[in-house]
Amino acid sequence: MKIPHGMLRIGYPYVNTVGMRRLTSCPISVVVGDDPHELHIMCRLEGSTNIRRLTLDDEDK
């Protein structure tokens, strides 16, 4: 696993919307990968946590 380029906490001012609510509900953290257009979004659900991989063009990876 590579070291993340940076980590952003949710709650910054609105700049862009990425993902649909049903895919990225309850986001906790956002990590920018090696490719600056790729995002890893950690989402908390009941009883589990998952990581969504999206691009700034809103493509699911």
Protein backbone atom coordinates (compact mmCIF):
# COMPACT_ATOMS: atom_id res chain seq x y z
CA MET A 1 0.00 0.00 0.00
CA LYS A 2 1.35 3.41 -0.96
CA ILE A 3 1.51 6.33 1.43
CA PRO A 4 -1.39 8.75 0.73
CA HIS A 5 -0.54 12.07 -0.89
CA GLY A 6 -2.80 13.93 1.53
CA MET A 7 -5.84 13.53 3.76
CA LEU A 8 -8.77 15.93 3.97
CA ARG A 9 -11.38 16.00 6.71
CA ILE A 10 -15.01 16.41 5.75
CA GLY A 11 -16.45 19.84 6.51
CA TYR A 12 -14.50 22.17 4.24
CA PRO A 13 -16.39 24.79 2.19
CA TYR A 14 -18.27 23.56 -0.90
CA VAL A 15 -16.14 23.40 -4.05
CA ASN A 16 -17.28 20.30 -5.93
CA THR A 17 -19.71 17.42 -5.43
CA VAL A 18 -18.37 13.90 -5.98
CA GLY A 19 -20.39 10.69 -5.83
CA MET A 20 -23.99 9.86 -5.11
CA ARG A 21 -25.39 9.77 -1.59
CA ARG A 22 -26.12 6.05 -1.78
CA LEU A 23 -22.44 5.36 -2.61
CA THR A 24 -20.73 7.89 -0.36
CA SER A 25 -23.15 8.24 2.56
CA CYS A 26 -21.67 9.22 5.94
CA PRO A 27 -18.17 10.15 4.65
CA ILE A 28 -15.51 10.37 7.37
CA SER A 29 -12.30 11.18 5.49
CA VAL A 30 -11.12 11.82 1.94
CA VAL A 31 -7.64 10.79 0.76
CA VAL A 32 -6.09 12.08 -2.48
CA GLY A 33 -4.12 9.28 -4.18
CA ASP A 34 -1.03 9.38 -6.41
CA ASP A 35 -3.25 10.50 -9.28
CA PRO A 36 -4.57 13.92 -8.16
CA HIS A 37 -7.93 13.15 -9.81
CA GLU A 38 -8.44 9.94 -7.76
CA LEU A 39 -10.09 10.06 -4.34
CA HIS A 40 -10.45 7.39 -1.67
CA ILE A 41 -13.47 8.16 0.52
CA MET A 42 -13.89 6.38 3.86
CA CYS A 43 -17.60 5.97 4.67
CA ARG A 44 -19.11 4.81 7.95
CA LEU A 45 -22.20 2.60 7.83
CA GLU A 46 -24.06 0.70 10.53
CA GLY A 47 -21.67 -1.98 11.77
CA SER A 48 -19.05 -1.46 9.05
CA THR A 49 -16.76 0.98 7.29
CA ASN A 50 -16.01 0.94 3.57
CA ILE A 51 -13.71 2.82 1.21
CA ARG A 52 -15.01 4.13 -2.12
CA ARG A 53 -12.59 4.90 -4.98
CA LEU A 54 -13.86 7.74 -7.17
CA THR A 55 -12.39 10.25 -9.59
CA LEU A 56 -13.10 13.97 -9.77
CA ASP A 57 -14.99 13.15 -12.99
CA ASP A 58 -17.33 11.08 -10.75
CA GLU A 59 -16.27 7.70 -12.16
CA ASP A 60 -16.45 4.72 -9.78
CA LYS A 61 -13.24 2.66 -9.82
